[in-house]
Every structure is written in C-alpha cells, then in structure tokens.
Amino acid sequence: MARRALVRRVPCVALVVLAAGLALVRRGAGESAAERSDPPARTAARVVSINPSLTAILLALGAREVLVGVDDYSARQNPEVAHLPRVGGLHDTSLEAIVALAPDLVVFVPSVEQGDVRAQLALLRVAHLAFDPTSFDDVLEAIETLGDCTGRADAARERVAAIRSARERMLRDRAGRPRVRGVLVLTRDPLYVVGGGSFIDEMLGIAGVENLGRELAGTYPRASLEWLVAARPELIVDAGGGAEAARAFWSRWPSLPAVRDGRVVSIPEGVATLPGPYLDRGLETLARAVETGDRSVAGSRGVR
C-alpha cells in the first residue's frame, strides 16, 4: 500500500543513493549537503523495477526497453515484461538476482519486508530510488521523476498534464452537486476499505463521494461488516475482483442502502487503486460509478 512520499521533485540523480553514507532526499528543510552532492546526471539505461505501479509508469512512458528485470507481480500483470528476468516479490525479493542484472537504477516502494534489500543495495553501491506515492500529487511526482531518470521527460509531462486536466474538469463538473455517502472496498474477506489520506481517497472526493472509510484509523483500514452495516453507505465501489463473486457476496446484505438501491459497483482490480500512470482513467471510472451505477451487482429488484 502507498505511504508518504520519500522523494522530492528534483533532478533524477539527486534522488539516487550511491553509497551507505548517502540518504534519500526527503521533503522539506533539513537536507544536508551530502544528500545533495551527487555525480553528473545521466539517463538510466538498465532499470530493475520491483513494484507494479512503477513498472506500469515506465511502460506508459515508453520506457519498456530500459527495463531489464521486474518483480513477480509486474511480470504476471504486464505481458510486455513477462519474459524479463524476475527478482522475486514483496516478501522474497532476491538481491542476488538484482545485482546479477547489473542495473543502472533499481526503483521500488519501500516496505518493512524489503528493508534489508534497500540497505544492501546501498552497501553495494547499487543506485536505487525509493518512491512512496501516497497522495494524488505524489503519484504525479513519481511519474515525472521516472520520466527524468529514463529520458522520457516529455512523455511524463504529457501524461501528468492529461491527469491534471481530468482532475480539474471533474472538479468543475462536480462543483455544487450533492455528494454520495460511499465506501471503496479493496478486499471483501477480510474486509479492507479505503480510509483517509491516500490518492484513492482524494479521487473519491473529486468524483463526488463522501468517503465513509475516513471514520476508521489508517489509510487502508480493516473494517468489520458490523461497521459497514451501521455506516449505511449509499454507494459501494467493489475493487475486490470478480463481478460474479461481488454479486454473490453483497446480495447477502439487502438492507444496505447501496444494495437495496442497486448502487454496488464492481470495478476491475487496479483501475482506480494503482498509484500508476492512469489516474485520469481511475477518476472516470469512479465518476461513472457515482453517476449511473450501470455495473451494479445487486439491487432492490433482484441481482443484476
């Protein structure tokens, strides 16, 4: 899951950790001279991505040819990189596999599970760049930074401009309209929803949803069905995968306003939940859910 961004919008090379003594450039004041003292900038020609959202960004920017290795999930989800060497997943990232690929740059989203990999990359002087795109603008910064690092700055600017344009257009269109009380479900069993403080929460707001998940602690909190029943959402956006499974699951709670009124909407996994290059598409998907509920999986007149 996304967390607070660790990189600042500065030239790519200023974000690369080349030795144990250099730390990542962080937001705000307090950056030391050592953190900003770097060798001349150059475009990365061999990149290993160990995060699916970053892989998706690189592919969207036309940087497929610079990728020399990816994580297991990226390989499964993107046919364009399915043939590339794999370096493991979140819980089993292989440092040996990464080093063997002789990358110019390793990009990832830091996690507790990958803490040792991060430290070892620094000790081995393997250039790496950590992203943590929590907010909507954090994701846009990640797109621009990856564009800078791979010589795709123009493509990155175009993609970011398209996303910003979609956001502004939707904010204008939704101005003054009533908001629908809703929740975005990430997984059904166990039940995880979108809380406050993430790019998904921001997109829900832009699309006209009052996110009930903000009542819970955490960015992506685990919720109880008792809480959901008590919250009485008017809209449930189900990103848990499988429209048929969603239909079977939610039809068990016909008293929920969203179920009763046919406003349980199943959306494909990742469309609005990946901090990747197509947030504009995510916004459009959420707006359609709010406006029409055309993909409702249950309703007062029966399941549809």
Protein backbone atom coordinates (compact mmCIF):
# COMPACT_ATOMS: atom_id res chain seq x y z
CA MET A 1 0.00 0.00 0.00
CA ALA A 2 1.02 3.57 -0.59
CA ARG A 3 2.55 5.68 2.18
CA ARG A 4 4.09 9.18 2.50
CA ALA A 5 6.35 10.04 -0.45
CA LEU A 6 10.07 9.86 0.20
CA VAL A 7 11.31 11.58 -2.94
CA ARG A 8 11.24 15.23 -3.76
CA ARG A 9 10.81 16.72 -7.23
CA VAL A 10 14.47 17.36 -8.05
CA PRO A 11 16.75 16.13 -10.87
CA CYS A 12 16.89 12.35 -11.08
CA VAL A 13 20.48 11.95 -10.00
CA ALA A 14 19.81 13.86 -6.79
CA LEU A 15 17.43 11.08 -5.84
CA VAL A 16 19.83 8.18 -6.36
CA VAL A 17 21.50 6.57 -3.38
CA LEU A 18 25.01 5.52 -4.37
CA ALA A 19 26.56 4.62 -1.04
CA ALA A 20 25.69 3.82 2.55
CA GLY A 21 26.67 7.33 3.60
CA LEU A 22 24.11 8.97 1.32
CA ALA A 23 20.47 9.11 2.37
CA LEU A 24 17.39 9.60 0.22
CA VAL A 25 16.48 13.21 -0.46
CA ARG A 26 13.47 13.91 1.75
CA ARG A 27 10.75 16.52 1.67
CA GLY A 28 11.10 19.78 3.47
CA ALA A 29 14.03 21.51 5.05
CA GLY A 30 16.87 19.64 6.65
CA GLU A 31 18.53 18.26 3.53
CA SER A 32 22.26 18.04 4.14
CA ALA A 33 24.93 18.97 1.61
CA ALA A 34 25.96 15.31 1.43
CA GLU A 35 22.44 14.30 0.44
CA ARG A 36 22.54 16.70 -2.48
CA SER A 37 26.19 16.13 -3.52
CA ASP A 38 25.99 13.73 -6.47
CA PRO A 39 27.90 12.79 -9.63
CA PRO A 40 26.89 14.24 -13.03
CA ALA A 41 23.38 13.30 -14.15
CA ARG A 42 22.89 10.55 -16.71
CA THR A 43 19.94 8.66 -18.11
CA ALA A 44 19.40 5.19 -16.69
CA ALA A 45 19.64 2.58 -19.46
CA ARG A 46 19.19 -0.56 -17.31
CA VAL A 47 16.39 -0.38 -14.75
CA VAL A 48 15.05 -3.01 -12.38
CA SER A 49 11.56 -2.30 -11.05
CA ILE A 50 10.36 -4.17 -8.00
CA ASN A 51 6.95 -2.52 -7.74
CA PRO A 52 3.98 -2.97 -10.11
CA SER A 53 2.90 0.68 -10.04
CA LEU A 54 6.38 1.85 -11.00
CA THR A 55 6.56 -0.79 -13.73
CA ALA A 56 3.24 0.46 -15.08
CA ILE A 57 4.52 4.04 -15.13
CA LEU A 58 7.67 3.08 -17.02
CA LEU A 59 5.64 1.15 -19.59
CA ALA A 60 3.20 4.05 -20.04
CA LEU A 61 6.11 6.41 -20.68
CA GLY A 62 7.51 4.17 -23.43
CA ALA A 63 10.47 3.04 -21.34
CA ARG A 64 9.98 -0.69 -21.86
CA GLU A 65 13.43 -1.13 -23.41
CA VAL A 66 15.24 0.13 -20.30
CA LEU A 67 13.63 -2.50 -18.07
CA VAL A 68 15.95 -5.46 -17.52
CA GLY A 69 14.18 -7.07 -14.56
CA VAL A 70 10.87 -6.83 -12.69
CA ASP A 71 9.07 -8.21 -9.66
CA ASP A 72 6.87 -11.28 -9.98
CA TYR A 73 3.58 -9.37 -9.84
CA SER A 74 4.63 -6.96 -12.58
CA ALA A 75 5.55 -9.92 -14.80
CA ARG A 76 2.16 -11.54 -14.23
CA GLN A 77 0.17 -8.39 -14.86
CA ASN A 78 2.04 -6.95 -17.86
CA PRO A 79 2.57 -9.16 -20.93
CA GLU A 80 5.18 -6.68 -22.20
CA VAL A 81 7.57 -7.67 -19.43
CA ALA A 82 6.52 -11.27 -18.81
CA HIS A 83 9.70 -12.55 -20.49
CA LEU A 84 12.07 -10.44 -18.39
CA PRO A 85 14.10 -11.89 -15.52
CA ARG A 86 12.16 -11.83 -12.26
CA VAL A 87 13.66 -10.67 -8.99
CA GLY A 88 11.05 -12.03 -6.59
CA GLY A 89 8.15 -10.36 -4.85
CA LEU A 90 7.37 -8.26 -1.81
CA HIS A 91 8.34 -10.94 0.68
CA ASP A 92 11.09 -12.69 -1.26
CA THR A 93 12.98 -10.05 -3.24
CA SER A 94 16.27 -11.54 -4.44
CA LEU A 95 19.26 -9.25 -4.00
CA GLU A 96 21.40 -11.71 -5.95
CA ALA A 97 19.04 -11.63 -8.92
CA ILE A 98 19.02 -7.82 -8.90
CA VAL A 99 22.80 -7.48 -8.75
CA ALA A 100 23.26 -10.08 -11.49
CA LEU A 101 21.33 -7.84 -13.89
CA ALA A 102 23.87 -5.01 -13.42
CA PRO A 103 21.22 -2.27 -13.29
CA ASP A 104 21.93 1.43 -13.57
CA LEU A 105 18.97 2.01 -11.29
CA VAL A 106 16.64 -0.01 -9.06
CA VAL A 107 13.23 1.54 -8.36
CA PHE A 108 10.86 0.42 -5.63
CA VAL A 109 8.35 1.43 -2.98
CA PRO A 110 9.95 0.84 0.42
CA SER A 111 8.38 -1.63 2.79
CA VAL A 112 9.29 -3.38 6.02
CA GLU A 113 9.70 -6.59 4.05
CA GLN A 114 12.21 -5.03 1.68
CA GLY A 115 14.20 -3.15 4.31
CA ASP A 116 17.18 -5.49 4.09
CA VAL A 117 17.27 -5.25 0.31
CA ARG A 118 17.34 -1.49 0.49
CA ALA A 119 20.20 -1.47 2.97
CA GLN A 120 22.19 -4.00 0.96
CA LEU A 121 21.76 -2.05 -2.27
CA ALA A 122 23.24 0.96 -0.53
CA LEU A 123 26.16 -1.05 0.85
CA LEU A 124 26.87 -2.50 -2.60
CA ARG A 125 26.68 0.96 -4.17
CA VAL A 126 23.84 -0.07 -6.46
CA ALA A 127 21.96 3.06 -7.48
CA HIS A 128 18.39 2.92 -6.26
CA LEU A 129 15.43 5.21 -5.95
CA ALA A 130 12.62 4.81 -3.40
CA PHE A 131 9.15 6.15 -4.05
CA ASP A 132 6.24 6.23 -1.66
CA PRO A 133 3.32 7.77 -3.59
CA THR A 134 0.58 8.35 -1.05
CA SER A 135 -1.24 11.43 -2.33
CA PHE A 136 -2.52 12.22 -5.81
CA ASP A 137 0.27 14.75 -6.36
CA ASP A 138 2.84 12.28 -5.03
CA VAL A 139 1.89 9.93 -7.87
CA LEU A 140 2.30 12.74 -10.39
CA GLU A 141 5.75 13.48 -8.97
CA ALA A 142 6.69 9.83 -9.33
CA ILE A 143 5.68 9.89 -13.00
CA GLU A 144 7.76 12.99 -13.66
CA THR A 145 10.76 11.68 -11.77
CA LEU A 146 10.76 8.34 -13.61
CA GLY A 147 10.46 10.27 -16.87
CA ASP A 148 13.50 12.34 -15.94
CA CYS A 149 15.52 9.26 -14.98
CA THR A 150 14.83 7.35 -18.18
CA GLY A 151 14.94 10.11 -20.77
CA ARG A 152 11.15 10.22 -21.11
CA ALA A 153 10.57 13.64 -19.57
CA ASP A 154 8.34 14.84 -22.41
CA ALA A 155 6.13 11.76 -22.21
CA ALA A 156 5.91 12.17 -18.43
CA ARG A 157 4.87 15.80 -18.73
CA GLU A 158 2.18 14.90 -21.25
CA ARG A 159 0.82 12.12 -19.04
CA VAL A 160 0.79 14.35 -15.96
CA ALA A 161 -0.88 17.17 -17.90
CA ALA A 162 -3.64 14.79 -19.01
CA ILE A 163 -4.24 13.63 -15.44
CA ARG A 164 -4.33 17.18 -14.09
CA SER A 165 -6.72 18.22 -16.84
CA ALA A 166 -9.07 15.37 -15.98
CA ARG A 167 -8.93 16.29 -12.30
CA GLU A 168 -9.71 19.95 -12.94
CA ARG A 169 -12.52 19.11 -15.36
CA MET A 170 -14.13 16.76 -12.87
CA LEU A 171 -13.83 19.26 -10.03
CA ARG A 172 -15.65 21.82 -12.19
CA ASP A 173 -18.31 19.33 -13.22
CA ARG A 174 -18.96 18.18 -9.66
CA ALA A 175 -18.98 21.67 -8.09
CA GLY A 176 -22.20 22.28 -6.20
CA ARG A 177 -23.58 18.77 -6.63
CA PRO A 178 -24.63 16.68 -3.63
CA ARG A 179 -22.12 14.08 -2.52
CA VAL A 180 -22.98 10.41 -2.19
CA ARG A 181 -22.03 8.62 1.03
CA GLY A 182 -19.93 5.69 -0.04
CA VAL A 183 -17.06 3.31 0.53
CA LEU A 184 -14.46 1.71 -1.71
CA VAL A 185 -13.83 -1.92 -0.82
CA LEU A 186 -10.34 -3.25 -1.56
CA THR A 187 -10.96 -6.83 -0.41
CA ARG A 188 -14.19 -8.41 0.80
CA ASP A 189 -12.97 -11.16 3.12
CA PRO A 190 -11.26 -9.90 5.15
CA LEU A 191 -12.89 -6.53 4.58
CA TYR A 192 -10.42 -3.78 3.80
CA VAL A 193 -11.57 -0.34 2.67
CA VAL A 194 -10.01 2.95 1.63
CA GLY A 195 -9.56 5.28 4.59
CA GLY A 196 -8.36 8.87 4.62
CA GLY A 197 -5.12 10.33 3.33
CA SER A 198 -4.49 8.38 0.13
CA PHE A 199 -4.69 9.18 -3.58
CA ILE A 200 -7.77 6.91 -3.78
CA ASP A 201 -9.47 8.89 -1.03
CA GLU A 202 -8.71 12.06 -3.00
CA MET A 203 -10.13 10.57 -6.18
CA LEU A 204 -13.30 9.52 -4.40
CA GLY A 205 -13.74 13.10 -3.22
CA ILE A 206 -13.11 14.51 -6.68
CA ALA A 207 -15.67 12.10 -8.14
CA GLY A 208 -18.30 13.22 -5.63
CA VAL A 209 -18.08 10.57 -2.90
CA GLU A 210 -18.12 11.29 0.82
CA ASN A 211 -15.73 8.52 1.84
CA LEU A 212 -17.14 6.80 4.91
CA GLY A 213 -13.85 4.95 5.37
CA ARG A 214 -12.39 8.16 6.76
CA GLU A 215 -14.12 7.30 10.03
CA LEU A 216 -11.63 4.48 10.52
CA ALA A 217 -7.99 4.81 11.54
CA GLY A 218 -5.43 4.25 8.83
CA THR A 219 -5.02 4.79 5.13
CA TYR A 220 -6.31 1.35 4.15
CA PRO A 221 -8.01 0.08 7.32
CA ARG A 222 -9.51 -3.30 8.02
CA ALA A 223 -13.22 -2.87 8.69
CA SER A 224 -15.96 -5.04 10.13
CA LEU A 225 -19.23 -5.84 8.41
CA GLU A 226 -20.93 -4.53 11.53
CA TRP A 227 -19.29 -1.15 10.91
CA LEU A 228 -20.33 -1.19 7.26
CA VAL A 229 -23.94 -2.03 8.11
CA ALA A 230 -24.02 0.76 10.70
CA ALA A 231 -22.43 3.25 8.27
CA ARG A 232 -25.22 2.57 5.73
CA PRO A 233 -23.33 3.52 2.55
CA GLU A 234 -25.38 4.72 -0.39
CA LEU A 235 -22.66 3.52 -2.78
CA ILE A 236 -20.26 0.60 -2.55
CA VAL A 237 -17.42 0.52 -5.07
CA ASP A 238 -16.04 -3.01 -5.05
CA ALA A 239 -12.44 -3.36 -6.29
CA GLY A 240 -12.00 -6.84 -4.86
CA GLY A 241 -12.04 -8.54 -8.24
CA GLY A 242 -14.64 -10.76 -9.87
CA ALA A 243 -18.06 -9.27 -10.59
CA GLU A 244 -19.77 -12.60 -10.03
CA ALA A 245 -18.09 -13.03 -6.65
CA ALA A 246 -19.07 -9.49 -5.73
CA ARG A 247 -22.66 -10.21 -6.75
CA ALA A 248 -22.84 -13.27 -4.54
CA PHE A 249 -21.19 -11.53 -1.59
CA TRP A 250 -23.15 -8.30 -1.39
CA SER A 251 -26.56 -9.81 -2.12
CA ARG A 252 -26.39 -11.25 1.41
CA TRP A 253 -26.98 -7.77 2.87
CA PRO A 254 -30.11 -6.48 1.09
CA SER A 255 -30.79 -3.95 3.86
CA LEU A 256 -27.71 -1.89 2.93
CA PRO A 257 -28.90 1.22 1.05
CA ALA A 258 -26.29 0.65 -1.67
CA VAL A 259 -27.51 -2.93 -2.21
CA ARG A 260 -31.19 -2.07 -1.89
CA ASP A 261 -30.90 0.74 -4.46
CA GLY A 262 -28.67 -1.10 -6.92
CA ARG A 263 -25.60 1.02 -6.27
CA VAL A 264 -22.98 -1.63 -5.66
CA VAL A 265 -20.48 -1.19 -8.47
CA SER A 266 -17.76 -3.71 -9.32
CA ILE A 267 -14.66 -2.22 -10.93
CA PRO A 268 -11.63 -4.09 -12.32
CA GLU A 269 -8.73 -4.59 -9.96
CA GLY A 270 -6.16 -1.80 -10.22
CA VAL A 271 -8.19 0.59 -12.36
CA ALA A 272 -8.70 3.10 -9.55
CA THR A 273 -6.44 1.61 -6.90
CA LEU A 274 -2.99 1.53 -8.52
CA PRO A 275 -0.79 4.60 -7.92
CA GLY A 276 0.27 4.43 -11.53
CA PRO A 277 0.16 6.39 -14.78
CA TYR A 278 -3.60 6.41 -15.43
CA LEU A 279 -5.22 8.26 -12.56
CA ASP A 280 -7.40 10.03 -15.14
CA ARG A 281 -8.94 6.69 -16.08
CA GLY A 282 -9.44 5.92 -12.41
CA LEU A 283 -11.28 9.20 -11.93
CA GLU A 284 -13.52 8.50 -14.91
CA THR A 285 -14.32 5.03 -13.57
CA LEU A 286 -15.28 6.40 -10.16
CA ALA A 287 -17.34 9.19 -11.71
CA ARG A 288 -19.33 6.64 -13.74
CA ALA A 289 -19.92 4.66 -10.56
CA VAL A 290 -21.32 7.75 -8.86
CA GLU A 291 -23.42 8.92 -11.80
CA THR A 292 -25.06 5.79 -13.09
CA GLY A 293 -24.24 2.61 -11.20
CA ASP A 294 -24.55 0.82 -14.54
CA ARG A 295 -22.42 -2.06 -13.29
CA SER A 296 -24.45 -2.61 -10.16
CA VAL A 297 -24.14 -6.15 -8.84
CA ALA A 298 -27.27 -6.11 -6.66
CA GLY A 299 -30.47 -4.16 -6.44
CA SER A 300 -33.90 -3.94 -4.85
CA ARG A 301 -35.42 -5.61 -7.91
CA GLY A 302 -33.05 -8.55 -7.77
CA VAL A 303 -29.45 -9.20 -8.63
CA ARG A 304 -28.28 -7.80 -11.96
